[in-house]
């Protein structure tokens, strides 16, 4: 989230229409709600998110979040039965005097830096 410089994980209820998101995913190590504050976490202190862009096939809009299907594919849920596959996913981050754009590959689901 560029506004808060945070990474948070949500669980989707795809049986509802519209699809609902619940903030109830816990970090496996500290058992707290999954909420990485890039500006204040010891590993990322001072880092910021300047742009997030996820685009999905058949939709000209850009979104600030990506969801994953039960099969592990990055998608956008139009409703409980219709998804749009990811066509482009980028997150621009900076910290420590450096900047980078993190890419999410729509085919392999791999995260990489160019």
PDB file of N, CA and C in Angstrom:
ATOM      1  N   UNK A   1       0.848  -1.172   0.000  1.00  0.00           N
ATOM      2  CA  UNK A   1       0.000   0.000   0.000  1.00  0.00           C
ATOM      3  C   UNK A   1       0.893   1.234   0.000  1.00  0.00           C
ATOM      4  N   UNK A   2       0.927   2.006  -1.086  1.00  0.00           N
ATOM      5  CA  UNK A   2       1.781   3.188  -1.146  1.00  0.00           C
ATOM      6  C   UNK A   2       1.419   4.256  -0.105  1.00  0.00           C
ATOM      7  N   UNK A   3       0.171   4.320   0.296  1.00  0.00           N
ATOM      8  CA  UNK A   3      -0.231   5.347   1.262  1.00  0.00           C
ATOM      9  C   UNK A   3       0.319   5.063   2.655  1.00  0.00           C
ATOM     10  N   UNK A   4       0.414   3.783   3.025  1.00  0.00           N
ATOM     11  CA  UNK A   4       0.858   3.436   4.377  1.00  0.00           C
ATOM     12  C   UNK A   4       2.213   2.727   4.400  1.00  0.00           C
ATOM     13  N   UNK A   5       2.764   2.371   3.221  1.00  0.00           N
ATOM     14  CA  UNK A   5       4.043   1.667   3.109  1.00  0.00           C
ATOM     15  C   UNK A   5       4.007   0.344   3.866  1.00  0.00           C
ATOM     16  N   UNK A   6       2.891  -0.362   3.735  1.00  0.00           N
ATOM     17  CA  UNK A   6       2.684  -1.627   4.435  1.00  0.00           C
ATOM     18  C   UNK A   6       2.341  -2.740   3.451  1.00  0.00           C
ATOM     19  N   UNK A   7       2.683  -3.962   3.865  1.00  0.00           N
ATOM     20  CA  UNK A   7       2.260  -5.168   3.160  1.00  0.00           C
ATOM     21  C   UNK A   7       1.379  -5.934   4.139  1.00  0.00           C
ATOM     22  N   UNK A   8       0.143  -6.170   3.744  1.00  0.00           N
ATOM     23  CA  UNK A   8      -0.797  -6.894   4.588  1.00  0.00           C
ATOM     24  C   UNK A   8      -1.416  -8.027   3.771  1.00  0.00           C
ATOM     25  N   UNK A   9      -1.686  -9.145   4.438  1.00  0.00           N
ATOM     26  CA  UNK A   9      -2.295 -10.294   3.769  1.00  0.00           C
ATOM     27  C   UNK A   9      -3.738 -10.459   4.224  1.00  0.00           C
ATOM     28  N   UNK A  10      -4.606 -10.743   3.259  1.00  0.00           N
ATOM     29  CA  UNK A  10      -6.037 -10.921   3.522  1.00  0.00           C
ATOM     30  C   UNK A  10      -6.480 -12.281   3.007  1.00  0.00           C
ATOM     31  N   UNK A  11      -7.500 -12.824   3.631  1.00  0.00           N
ATOM     32  CA  UNK A  11      -8.137 -14.062   3.175  1.00  0.00           C
ATOM     33  C   UNK A  11      -9.420 -13.676   2.450  1.00  0.00           C
ATOM     34  N   UNK A  12      -9.647 -14.282   1.286  1.00  0.00           N
ATOM     35  CA  UNK A  12     -10.851 -13.987   0.521  1.00  0.00           C
ATOM     36  C   UNK A  12     -11.921 -15.038   0.751  1.00  0.00           C
ATOM     37  N   UNK A  13     -13.147 -14.571   0.836  1.00  0.00           N
ATOM     38  CA  UNK A  13     -14.305 -15.461   0.871  1.00  0.00           C
ATOM     39  C   UNK A  13     -14.934 -15.387  -0.512  1.00  0.00           C
ATOM     40  N   UNK A  14     -14.572 -16.356  -1.364  1.00  0.00           N
ATOM     41  CA  UNK A  14     -15.072 -16.331  -2.744  1.00  0.00           C
ATOM     42  C   UNK A  14     -16.455 -16.939  -2.867  1.00  0.00           C
ATOM     43  N   UNK A  15     -17.012 -17.415  -1.757  1.00  0.00           N
ATOM     44  CA  UNK A  15     -18.371 -17.957  -1.817  1.00  0.00           C
ATOM     45  C   UNK A  15     -19.405 -16.837  -1.707  1.00  0.00           C
ATOM     46  N   UNK A  16     -18.966 -15.648  -1.323  1.00  0.00           N
ATOM     47  CA  UNK A  16     -19.904 -14.526  -1.206  1.00  0.00           C
ATOM     48  C   UNK A  16     -19.873 -13.691  -2.484  1.00  0.00           C
ATOM     49  N   UNK A  17     -20.931 -12.948  -2.712  1.00  0.00           N
ATOM     50  CA  UNK A  17     -21.009 -12.067  -3.871  1.00  0.00           C
ATOM     51  C   UNK A  17     -21.515 -10.716  -3.409  1.00  0.00           C
ATOM     52  N   UNK A  18     -20.675  -9.679  -3.345  1.00  0.00           N
ATOM     53  CA  UNK A  18     -19.310  -9.655  -3.871  1.00  0.00           C
ATOM     54  C   UNK A  18     -18.344 -10.442  -2.990  1.00  0.00           C
ATOM     55  N   UNK A  19     -17.174 -10.725  -3.548  1.00  0.00           N
ATOM     56  CA  UNK A  19     -16.128 -11.421  -2.806  1.00  0.00           C
ATOM     57  C   UNK A  19     -15.696 -10.539  -1.646  1.00  0.00           C
ATOM     58  N   UNK A  20     -15.566 -11.128  -0.458  1.00  0.00           N
ATOM     59  CA  UNK A  20     -15.199 -10.373   0.734  1.00  0.00           C
ATOM     60  C   UNK A  20     -13.765 -10.678   1.142  1.00  0.00           C
ATOM     61  N   UNK A  21     -13.076  -9.666   1.675  1.00  0.00           N
ATOM     62  CA  UNK A  21     -11.710  -9.835   2.163  1.00  0.00           C
ATOM     63  C   UNK A  21     -11.706  -9.710   3.681  1.00  0.00           C
ATOM     64  N   UNK A  22     -11.026 -10.638   4.339  1.00  0.00           N
ATOM     65  CA  UNK A  22     -10.915 -10.628   5.794  1.00  0.00           C
ATOM     66  C   UNK A  22      -9.442 -10.496   6.180  1.00  0.00           C
ATOM     67  N   UNK A  23      -9.151  -9.567   7.073  1.00  0.00           N
ATOM     68  CA  UNK A  23      -7.787  -9.363   7.545  1.00  0.00           C
ATOM     69  C   UNK A  23      -7.581 -10.258   8.755  1.00  0.00           C
ATOM     70  N   UNK A  24      -7.283 -11.542   8.483  1.00  0.00           N
ATOM     71  CA  UNK A  24      -7.115 -12.507   9.570  1.00  0.00           C
ATOM     72  C   UNK A  24      -6.022 -13.548   9.266  1.00  0.00           C
ATOM     73  N   UNK A  25      -4.996 -13.127   8.517  1.00  0.00           N
ATOM     74  CA  UNK A  25      -3.871 -14.000   8.215  1.00  0.00           C
ATOM     75  C   UNK A  25      -2.744 -13.664   9.192  1.00  0.00           C
ATOM     76  N   UNK A  26      -2.246 -14.686   9.903  1.00  0.00           N
ATOM     77  CA  UNK A  26      -1.215 -14.472  10.912  1.00  0.00           C
ATOM     78  C   UNK A  26       0.160 -14.869  10.391  1.00  0.00           C
ATOM     79  N   UNK A  27       1.171 -14.093  10.797  1.00  0.00           N
ATOM     80  CA  UNK A  27       2.555 -14.369  10.437  1.00  0.00           C
ATOM     81  C   UNK A  27       2.979 -15.673  11.119  1.00  0.00           C
ATOM     82  N   UNK A  28       3.668 -16.568  10.390  1.00  0.00           N
ATOM     83  CA  UNK A  28       4.009 -17.865  10.979  1.00  0.00           C
ATOM     84  C   UNK A  28       5.018 -17.788  12.126  1.00  0.00           C
ATOM     85  N   UNK A  29       5.820 -16.733  12.187  1.00  0.00           N
ATOM     86  CA  UNK A  29       6.842 -16.652  13.226  1.00  0.00           C
ATOM     87  C   UNK A  29       6.364 -15.934  14.478  1.00  0.00           C
ATOM     88  N   UNK A  30       5.841 -14.704  14.320  1.00  0.00           N
ATOM     89  CA  UNK A  30       5.476 -13.944  15.525  1.00  0.00           C
ATOM     90  C   UNK A  30       4.007 -14.093  15.907  1.00  0.00           C
ATOM     91  N   UNK A  31       3.237 -14.804  15.089  1.00  0.00           N
ATOM     92  CA  UNK A  31       1.819 -15.104  15.373  1.00  0.00           C
ATOM     93  C   UNK A  31       0.945 -13.849  15.463  1.00  0.00           C
ATOM     94  N   UNK A  32       1.424 -12.735  14.899  1.00  0.00           N
ATOM     95  CA  UNK A  32       0.640 -11.504  14.834  1.00  0.00           C
ATOM     96  C   UNK A  32      -0.008 -11.428  13.450  1.00  0.00           C
ATOM     97  N   UNK A  33      -1.040 -10.586  13.319  1.00  0.00           N
ATOM     98  CA  UNK A  33      -1.617 -10.376  12.000  1.00  0.00           C
ATOM     99  C   UNK A  33      -0.507  -9.981  11.033  1.00  0.00           C
ATOM    100  N   UNK A  34      -0.547 -10.535   9.817  1.00  0.00           N
ATOM    101  CA  UNK A  34       0.515 -10.275   8.848  1.00  0.00           C
ATOM    102  C   UNK A  34       0.435  -8.826   8.405  1.00  0.00           C
ATOM    103  N   UNK A  35       1.386  -8.039   8.877  1.00  0.00           N
ATOM    104  CA  UNK A  35       1.406  -6.601   8.618  1.00  0.00           C
ATOM    105  C   UNK A  35       2.853  -6.144   8.646  1.00  0.00           C
ATOM    106  N   UNK A  36       3.475  -6.048   7.485  1.00  0.00           N
ATOM    107  CA  UNK A  36       4.864  -5.617   7.383  1.00  0.00           C
ATOM    108  C   UNK A  36       4.877  -4.120   7.110  1.00  0.00           C
ATOM    109  N   UNK A  37       5.348  -3.359   8.080  1.00  0.00           N
ATOM    110  CA  UNK A  37       5.482  -1.904   7.946  1.00  0.00           C
ATOM    111  C   UNK A  37       6.899  -1.637   7.450  1.00  0.00           C
ATOM    112  N   UNK A  38       7.041  -1.332   6.165  1.00  0.00           N
ATOM    113  CA  UNK A  38       8.361  -1.175   5.558  1.00  0.00           C
ATOM    114  C   UNK A  38       9.167  -0.052   6.193  1.00  0.00           C
ATOM    115  N   UNK A  39       8.505   0.974   6.698  1.00  0.00           N
ATOM    116  CA  UNK A  39       9.233   2.105   7.295  1.00  0.00           C
ATOM    117  C   UNK A  39       9.796   1.770   8.667  1.00  0.00           C
ATOM    118  N   UNK A  40       9.192   0.818   9.386  1.00  0.00           N
ATOM    119  CA  UNK A  40       9.587   0.582  10.774  1.00  0.00           C
ATOM    120  C   UNK A  40      10.068  -0.819  11.102  1.00  0.00           C
ATOM    121  N   UNK A  41       9.923  -1.784  10.206  1.00  0.00           N
ATOM    122  CA  UNK A  41      10.396  -3.139  10.464  1.00  0.00           C
ATOM    123  C   UNK A  41      11.926  -3.138  10.514  1.00  0.00           C
ATOM    124  N   UNK A  42      12.511  -3.946  11.378  1.00  0.00           N
ATOM    125  CA  UNK A  42      13.969  -3.928  11.544  1.00  0.00           C
ATOM    126  C   UNK A  42      14.714  -4.269  10.251  1.00  0.00           C
ATOM    127  N   UNK A  43      14.141  -5.109   9.407  1.00  0.00           N
ATOM    128  CA  UNK A  43      14.805  -5.512   8.161  1.00  0.00           C
ATOM    129  C   UNK A  43      14.617  -4.509   7.028  1.00  0.00           C
ATOM    130  N   UNK A  44      13.603  -3.665   7.122  1.00  0.00           N
ATOM    131  CA  UNK A  44      13.287  -2.757   6.005  1.00  0.00           C
ATOM    132  C   UNK A  44      13.187  -1.290   6.443  1.00  0.00           C
ATOM    133  N   UNK A  45      13.628  -0.975   7.647  1.00  0.00           N
ATOM    134  CA  UNK A  45      13.460   0.371   8.221  1.00  0.00           C
ATOM    135  C   UNK A  45      13.831   1.465   7.223  1.00  0.00           C
ATOM    136  N   UNK A  46      12.940   2.425   7.053  1.00  0.00           N
ATOM    137  CA  UNK A  46      13.162   3.557   6.169  1.00  0.00           C
ATOM    138  C   UNK A  46      12.739   3.325   4.733  1.00  0.00           C
ATOM    139  N   UNK A  47      12.301   2.123   4.407  1.00  0.00           N
ATOM    140  CA  UNK A  47      11.872   1.839   3.038  1.00  0.00           C
ATOM    141  C   UNK A  47      10.464   2.374   2.795  1.00  0.00           C
ATOM    142  N   UNK A  48      10.184   2.696   1.552  1.00  0.00           N
ATOM    143  CA  UNK A  48       8.859   3.185   1.185  1.00  0.00           C
ATOM    144  C   UNK A  48       8.390   2.525  -0.108  1.00  0.00           C
ATOM    145  N   UNK A  49       7.097   2.510  -0.284  1.00  0.00           N
ATOM    146  CA  UNK A  49       6.475   2.033  -1.522  1.00  0.00           C
ATOM    147  C   UNK A  49       5.989   3.272  -2.257  1.00  0.00           C
ATOM    148  N   UNK A  50       6.457   3.470  -3.486  1.00  0.00           N
ATOM    149  CA  UNK A  50       6.043   4.665  -4.228  1.00  0.00           C
ATOM    150  C   UNK A  50       4.961   4.382  -5.255  1.00  0.00           C
ATOM    151  N   UNK A  51       4.856   3.147  -5.717  1.00  0.00           N
ATOM    152  CA  UNK A  51       3.825   2.825  -6.709  1.00  0.00           C
ATOM    153  C   UNK A  51       3.544   1.328  -6.692  1.00  0.00           C
ATOM    154  N   UNK A  52       2.279   1.004  -6.879  1.00  0.00           N
ATOM    155  CA  UNK A  52       1.828  -0.384  -6.994  1.00  0.00           C
ATOM    156  C   UNK A  52       0.902  -0.445  -8.197  1.00  0.00           C
ATOM    157  N   UNK A  53       1.150  -1.410  -9.064  1.00  0.00           N
ATOM    158  CA  UNK A  53       0.296  -1.525 -10.250  1.00  0.00           C
ATOM    159  C   UNK A  53       0.107  -2.995 -10.605  1.00  0.00           C
ATOM    160  N   UNK A  54      -1.134  -3.427 -10.498  1.00  0.00           N
ATOM    161  CA  UNK A  54      -1.507  -4.762 -10.945  1.00  0.00           C
ATOM    162  C   UNK A  54      -2.577  -4.598 -12.008  1.00  0.00           C
ATOM    163  N   UNK A  55      -2.321  -5.177 -13.181  1.00  0.00           N
ATOM    164  CA  UNK A  55      -3.277  -5.127 -14.289  1.00  0.00           C
ATOM    165  C   UNK A  55      -3.694  -6.546 -14.631  1.00  0.00           C
ATOM    166  N   UNK A  56      -4.964  -6.658 -15.034  1.00  0.00           N
ATOM    167  CA  UNK A  56      -5.543  -7.976 -15.292  1.00  0.00           C
ATOM    168  C   UNK A  56      -6.138  -8.017 -16.686  1.00  0.00           C
ATOM    169  N   UNK A  57      -6.062  -9.186 -17.318  1.00  0.00           N
ATOM    170  CA  UNK A  57      -6.541  -9.349 -18.690  1.00  0.00           C
ATOM    171  C   UNK A  57      -7.995  -8.921 -18.813  1.00  0.00           C
ATOM    172  N   UNK A  58      -8.283  -8.143 -19.873  1.00  0.00           N
ATOM    173  CA  UNK A  58      -9.643  -7.721 -20.157  1.00  0.00           C
ATOM    174  C   UNK A  58     -10.131  -6.555 -19.317  1.00  0.00           C
ATOM    175  N   UNK A  59      -9.229  -5.907 -18.564  1.00  0.00           N
ATOM    176  CA  UNK A  59      -9.620  -4.783 -17.708  1.00  0.00           C
ATOM    177  C   UNK A  59      -8.558  -3.693 -17.837  1.00  0.00           C
ATOM    178  N   UNK A  60      -8.922  -2.500 -18.311  1.00  0.00           N
ATOM    179  CA  UNK A  60      -7.924  -1.448 -18.497  1.00  0.00           C
ATOM    180  C   UNK A  60      -7.471  -0.783 -17.193  1.00  0.00           C
ATOM    181  N   UNK A  61      -8.132  -1.065 -16.092  1.00  0.00           N
ATOM    182  CA  UNK A  61      -7.803  -0.422 -14.824  1.00  0.00           C
ATOM    183  C   UNK A  61      -6.538  -1.005 -14.200  1.00  0.00           C
ATOM    184  N   UNK A  62      -5.881  -0.198 -13.374  1.00  0.00           N
ATOM    185  CA  UNK A  62      -4.753  -0.655 -12.562  1.00  0.00           C
ATOM    186  C   UNK A  62      -5.237  -0.749 -11.120  1.00  0.00           C
ATOM    187  N   UNK A  63      -4.821  -1.808 -10.423  1.00  0.00           N
ATOM    188  CA  UNK A  63      -5.253  -2.042  -9.044  1.00  0.00           C
ATOM    189  C   UNK A  63      -4.045  -2.041  -8.113  1.00  0.00           C
ATOM    190  N   UNK A  64      -4.297  -1.805  -6.847  1.00  0.00           N
ATOM    191  CA  UNK A  64      -3.246  -1.747  -5.848  1.00  0.00           C
ATOM    192  C   UNK A  64      -3.061  -3.037  -5.078  1.00  0.00           C
ATOM    193  N   UNK A  65      -3.686  -4.107  -5.518  1.00  0.00           N
ATOM    194  CA  UNK A  65      -3.568  -5.388  -4.815  1.00  0.00           C
ATOM    195  C   UNK A  65      -3.726  -6.522  -5.809  1.00  0.00           C
ATOM    196  N   UNK A  66      -3.210  -7.662  -5.424  1.00  0.00           N
ATOM    197  CA  UNK A  66      -3.357  -8.877  -6.221  1.00  0.00           C
ATOM    198  C   UNK A  66      -3.898  -9.967  -5.302  1.00  0.00           C
ATOM    199  N   UNK A  67      -4.723 -10.826  -5.847  1.00  0.00           N
ATOM    200  CA  UNK A  67      -5.234 -11.967  -5.092  1.00  0.00           C
ATOM    201  C   UNK A  67      -4.781 -13.240  -5.801  1.00  0.00           C
ATOM    202  N   UNK A  68      -4.861 -14.341  -5.079  1.00  0.00           N
ATOM    203  CA  UNK A  68      -4.458 -15.625  -5.646  1.00  0.00           C
ATOM    204  C   UNK A  68      -5.635 -16.585  -5.593  1.00  0.00           C
ATOM    205  N   UNK A  69      -5.795 -17.333  -6.662  1.00  0.00           N
ATOM    206  CA  UNK A  69      -6.838 -18.353  -6.732  1.00  0.00           C
ATOM    207  C   UNK A  69      -6.437 -19.523  -5.838  1.00  0.00           C
ATOM    208  N   UNK A  70      -7.364 -20.438  -5.560  1.00  0.00           N
ATOM    209  CA  UNK A  70      -6.998 -21.632  -4.794  1.00  0.00           C
ATOM    210  C   UNK A  70      -5.881 -22.448  -5.460  1.00  0.00           C
ATOM    211  N   UNK A  71      -5.700 -22.285  -6.762  1.00  0.00           N
ATOM    212  CA  UNK A  71      -4.636 -22.984  -7.488  1.00  0.00           C
ATOM    213  C   UNK A  71      -3.303 -22.241  -7.403  1.00  0.00           C
ATOM    214  N   UNK A  72      -3.284 -21.071  -6.744  1.00  0.00           N
ATOM    215  CA  UNK A  72      -2.055 -20.301  -6.579  1.00  0.00           C
ATOM    216  C   UNK A  72      -1.762 -19.340  -7.710  1.00  0.00           C
ATOM    217  N   UNK A  73      -2.737 -19.059  -8.562  1.00  0.00           N
ATOM    218  CA  UNK A  73      -2.538 -18.151  -9.687  1.00  0.00           C
ATOM    219  C   UNK A  73      -2.938 -16.735  -9.306  1.00  0.00           C
ATOM    220  N   UNK A  74      -2.147 -15.713  -9.715  1.00  0.00           N
ATOM    221  CA  UNK A  74      -2.520 -14.332  -9.423  1.00  0.00           C
ATOM    222  C   UNK A  74      -3.692 -13.900 -10.312  1.00  0.00           C
ATOM    223  N   UNK A  75      -4.784 -13.502  -9.683  1.00  0.00           N
ATOM    224  CA  UNK A  75      -6.011 -13.166 -10.410  1.00  0.00           C
ATOM    225  C   UNK A  75      -6.720 -11.982  -9.739  1.00  0.00           C
ATOM    226  N   UNK A  76      -7.703 -11.450 -10.447  1.00  0.00           N
ATOM    227  CA  UNK A  76      -8.647 -10.480  -9.905  1.00  0.00           C
ATOM    228  C   UNK A  76     -10.012 -11.154  -9.903  1.00  0.00           C
ATOM    229  N   UNK A  77     -10.679 -11.144  -8.759  1.00  0.00           N
ATOM    230  CA  UNK A  77     -12.013 -11.734  -8.678  1.00  0.00           C
ATOM    231  C   UNK A  77     -13.058 -10.709  -9.095  1.00  0.00           C
ATOM    232  N   UNK A  78     -13.701 -10.949 -10.241  1.00  0.00           N
ATOM    233  CA  UNK A  78     -14.819 -10.122 -10.686  1.00  0.00           C
ATOM    234  C   UNK A  78     -16.017 -10.427  -9.793  1.00  0.00           C
ATOM    235  N   UNK A  79     -16.233 -11.705  -9.554  1.00  0.00           N
ATOM    236  CA  UNK A  79     -17.249 -12.189  -8.620  1.00  0.00           C
ATOM    237  C   UNK A  79     -16.812 -13.590  -8.194  1.00  0.00           C
ATOM    238  N   UNK A  80     -17.658 -14.291  -7.488  1.00  0.00           N
ATOM    239  CA  UNK A  80     -17.276 -15.587  -6.926  1.00  0.00           C
ATOM    240  C   UNK A  80     -16.912 -16.634  -7.977  1.00  0.00           C
ATOM    241  N   UNK A  81     -17.395 -16.484  -9.213  1.00  0.00           N
ATOM    242  CA  UNK A  81     -17.138 -17.503 -10.230  1.00  0.00           C
ATOM    243  C   UNK A  81     -16.312 -17.008 -11.413  1.00  0.00           C
ATOM    244  N   UNK A  82     -15.993 -15.718 -11.457  1.00  0.00           N
ATOM    245  CA  UNK A  82     -15.270 -15.152 -12.598  1.00  0.00           C
ATOM    246  C   UNK A  82     -13.999 -14.462 -12.135  1.00  0.00           C
ATOM    247  N   UNK A  83     -12.871 -14.858 -12.726  1.00  0.00           N
ATOM    248  CA  UNK A  83     -11.596 -14.222 -12.411  1.00  0.00           C
ATOM    249  C   UNK A  83     -10.959 -13.701 -13.691  1.00  0.00           C
ATOM    250  N   UNK A  84     -10.060 -12.748 -13.506  1.00  0.00           N
ATOM    251  CA  UNK A  84      -9.251 -12.243 -14.620  1.00  0.00           C
ATOM    252  C   UNK A  84      -7.792 -12.522 -14.270  1.00  0.00           C
ATOM    253  N   UNK A  85      -7.035 -13.187 -15.156  1.00  0.00           N
ATOM    254  CA  UNK A  85      -5.624 -13.471 -14.879  1.00  0.00           C
ATOM    255  C   UNK A  85      -4.778 -12.200 -14.874  1.00  0.00           C
ATOM    256  N   UNK A  86      -3.732 -12.209 -14.095  1.00  0.00           N
ATOM    257  CA  UNK A  86      -2.793 -11.098 -14.043  1.00  0.00           C
ATOM    258  C   UNK A  86      -2.095 -10.950 -15.382  1.00  0.00           C
ATOM    259  N   UNK A  87      -1.948  -9.715 -15.867  1.00  0.00           N
ATOM    260  CA  UNK A  87      -1.168  -9.465 -17.078  1.00  0.00           C
ATOM    261  C   UNK A  87       0.090  -8.670 -16.767  1.00  0.00           C
ATOM    262  N   UNK A  88       0.102  -7.900 -15.656  1.00  0.00           N
ATOM    263  CA  UNK A  88       1.264  -7.100 -15.267  1.00  0.00           C
ATOM    264  C   UNK A  88       1.198  -6.853 -13.771  1.00  0.00           C
ATOM    265  N   UNK A  89       2.321  -7.006 -13.097  1.00  0.00           N
ATOM    266  CA  UNK A  89       2.363  -6.717 -11.671  1.00  0.00           C
ATOM    267  C   UNK A  89       3.687  -6.098 -11.291  1.00  0.00           C
ATOM    268  N   UNK A  90       3.664  -4.850 -10.765  1.00  0.00           N
ATOM    269  CA  UNK A  90       4.885  -4.171 -10.348  1.00  0.00           C
ATOM    270  C   UNK A  90       4.655  -3.426  -9.038  1.00  0.00           C
ATOM    271  N   UNK A  91       5.706  -3.380  -8.228  1.00  0.00           N
ATOM    272  CA  UNK A  91       5.714  -2.613  -6.991  1.00  0.00           C
ATOM    273  C   UNK A  91       7.042  -1.863  -6.951  1.00  0.00           C
ATOM    274  N   UNK A  92       6.984  -0.534  -6.861  1.00  0.00           N
ATOM    275  CA  UNK A  92       8.195   0.282  -6.799  1.00  0.00           C
ATOM    276  C   UNK A  92       8.501   0.605  -5.346  1.00  0.00           C
ATOM    277  N   UNK A  93       9.731   0.279  -4.920  1.00  0.00           N
ATOM    278  CA  UNK A  93      10.148   0.488  -3.535  1.00  0.00           C
ATOM    279  C   UNK A  93      11.472   1.251  -3.514  1.00  0.00           C
ATOM    280  N   UNK A  94      11.721   1.932  -2.399  1.00  0.00           N
ATOM    281  CA  UNK A  94      13.001   2.603  -2.225  1.00  0.00           C
ATOM    282  C   UNK A  94      13.390   2.577  -0.761  1.00  0.00           C
ATOM    283  N   UNK A  95      14.686   2.663  -0.538  1.00  0.00           N
ATOM    284  CA  UNK A  95      15.219   2.679   0.823  1.00  0.00           C
ATOM    285  C   UNK A  95      16.725   2.625   0.787  1.00  0.00           C
ATOM    286  N   UNK A  96      17.352   3.264   1.760  1.00  0.00           N
ATOM    287  CA  UNK A  96      18.808   3.254   1.818  1.00  0.00           C
ATOM    288  C   UNK A  96      19.461   3.888   0.614  1.00  0.00           C
ATOM    289  N   UNK A  97      18.792   4.870   0.004  1.00  0.00           N
ATOM    290  CA  UNK A  97      19.355   5.546  -1.155  1.00  0.00           C
ATOM    291  C   UNK A  97      19.245   4.780  -2.454  1.00  0.00           C
ATOM    292  N   UNK A  98      18.505   3.684  -2.449  1.00  0.00           N
ATOM    293  CA  UNK A  98      18.328   2.883  -3.664  1.00  0.00           C
ATOM    294  C   UNK A  98      16.849   2.734  -3.979  1.00  0.00           C
ATOM    295  N   UNK A  99      16.554   2.521  -5.256  1.00  0.00           N
ATOM    296  CA  UNK A  99      15.178   2.295  -5.707  1.00  0.00           C
ATOM    297  C   UNK A  99      15.149   1.060  -6.589  1.00  0.00           C
ATOM    298  N   UNK A 100      13.998   0.390  -6.589  1.00  0.00           N
ATOM    299  CA  UNK A 100      13.851  -0.793  -7.435  1.00  0.00           C
ATOM    300  C   UNK A 100      12.380  -1.015  -7.727  1.00  0.00           C
ATOM    301  N   UNK A 101      12.123  -1.668  -8.829  1.00  0.00           N
ATOM    302  CA  UNK A 101      10.775  -2.096  -9.169  1.00  0.00           C
ATOM    303  C   UNK A 101      10.737  -3.611  -9.104  1.00  0.00           C
ATOM    304  N   UNK A 102       9.872  -4.113  -8.256  1.00  0.00           N
ATOM    305  CA  UNK A 102       9.703  -5.556  -8.084  1.00  0.00           C
ATOM    306  C   UNK A 102       8.627  -6.010  -9.060  1.00  0.00           C
ATOM    307  N   UNK A 103       8.921  -7.052  -9.824  1.00  0.00           N
ATOM    308  CA  UNK A 103       7.979  -7.559 -10.822  1.00  0.00           C
ATOM    309  C   UNK A 103       7.388  -8.893 -10.387  1.00  0.00           C
ATOM    310  N   UNK A 104       6.100  -9.057 -10.627  1.00  0.00           N
ATOM    311  CA  UNK A 104       5.423 -10.340 -10.418  1.00  0.00           C
ATOM    312  C   UNK A 104       5.097 -10.898 -11.795  1.00  0.00           C
ATOM    313  N   UNK A 105       5.735 -12.009 -12.142  1.00  0.00           N
ATOM    314  CA  UNK A 105       5.522 -12.607 -13.450  1.00  0.00           C
ATOM    315  C   UNK A 105       4.152 -13.271 -13.502  1.00  0.00           C
ATOM    316  N   UNK A 106       3.309 -12.901 -14.479  1.00  0.00           N
ATOM    317  CA  UNK A 106       1.958 -13.448 -14.547  1.00  0.00           C
ATOM    318  C   UNK A 106       1.912 -14.927 -14.896  1.00  0.00           C
ATOM    319  N   UNK A 107       2.947 -15.454 -15.517  1.00  0.00           N
ATOM    320  CA  UNK A 107       2.950 -16.856 -15.935  1.00  0.00           C
ATOM    321  C   UNK A 107       3.557 -17.767 -14.874  1.00  0.00           C
ATOM    322  N   UNK A 108       4.723 -17.388 -14.361  1.00  0.00           N
ATOM    323  CA  UNK A 108       5.434 -18.255 -13.409  1.00  0.00           C
ATOM    324  C   UNK A 108       5.122 -17.906 -11.959  1.00  0.00           C
ATOM    325  N   UNK A 109       4.548 -16.737 -11.713  1.00  0.00           N
ATOM    326  CA  UNK A 109       4.251 -16.207 -10.376  1.00  0.00           C
ATOM    327  C   UNK A 109       5.532 -15.895  -9.607  1.00  0.00           C
ATOM    328  N   UNK A 110       6.660 -15.830 -10.283  1.00  0.00           N
ATOM    329  CA  UNK A 110       7.925 -15.510  -9.628  1.00  0.00           C
ATOM    330  C   UNK A 110       8.031 -14.003  -9.423  1.00  0.00           C
ATOM    331  N   UNK A 111       8.599 -13.638  -8.287  1.00  0.00           N
ATOM    332  CA  UNK A 111       8.880 -12.245  -7.982  1.00  0.00           C
ATOM    333  C   UNK A 111      10.343 -11.994  -8.306  1.00  0.00           C
ATOM    334  N   UNK A 112      10.632 -10.895  -9.036  1.00  0.00           N
ATOM    335  CA  UNK A 112      12.010 -10.646  -9.432  1.00  0.00           C
ATOM    336  C   UNK A 112      12.302  -9.152  -9.487  1.00  0.00           C
ATOM    337  N   UNK A 113      13.584  -8.837  -9.463  1.00  0.00           N
ATOM    338  CA  UNK A 113      14.078  -7.484  -9.684  1.00  0.00           C
ATOM    339  C   UNK A 113      14.756  -7.466 -11.039  1.00  0.00           C
ATOM    340  N   UNK A 114      14.497  -6.450 -11.858  1.00  0.00           N
ATOM    341  CA  UNK A 114      15.141  -6.430 -13.182  1.00  0.00           C
ATOM    342  C   UNK A 114      16.650  -6.198 -13.099  1.00  0.00           C
TER     343      UNK A 114
END
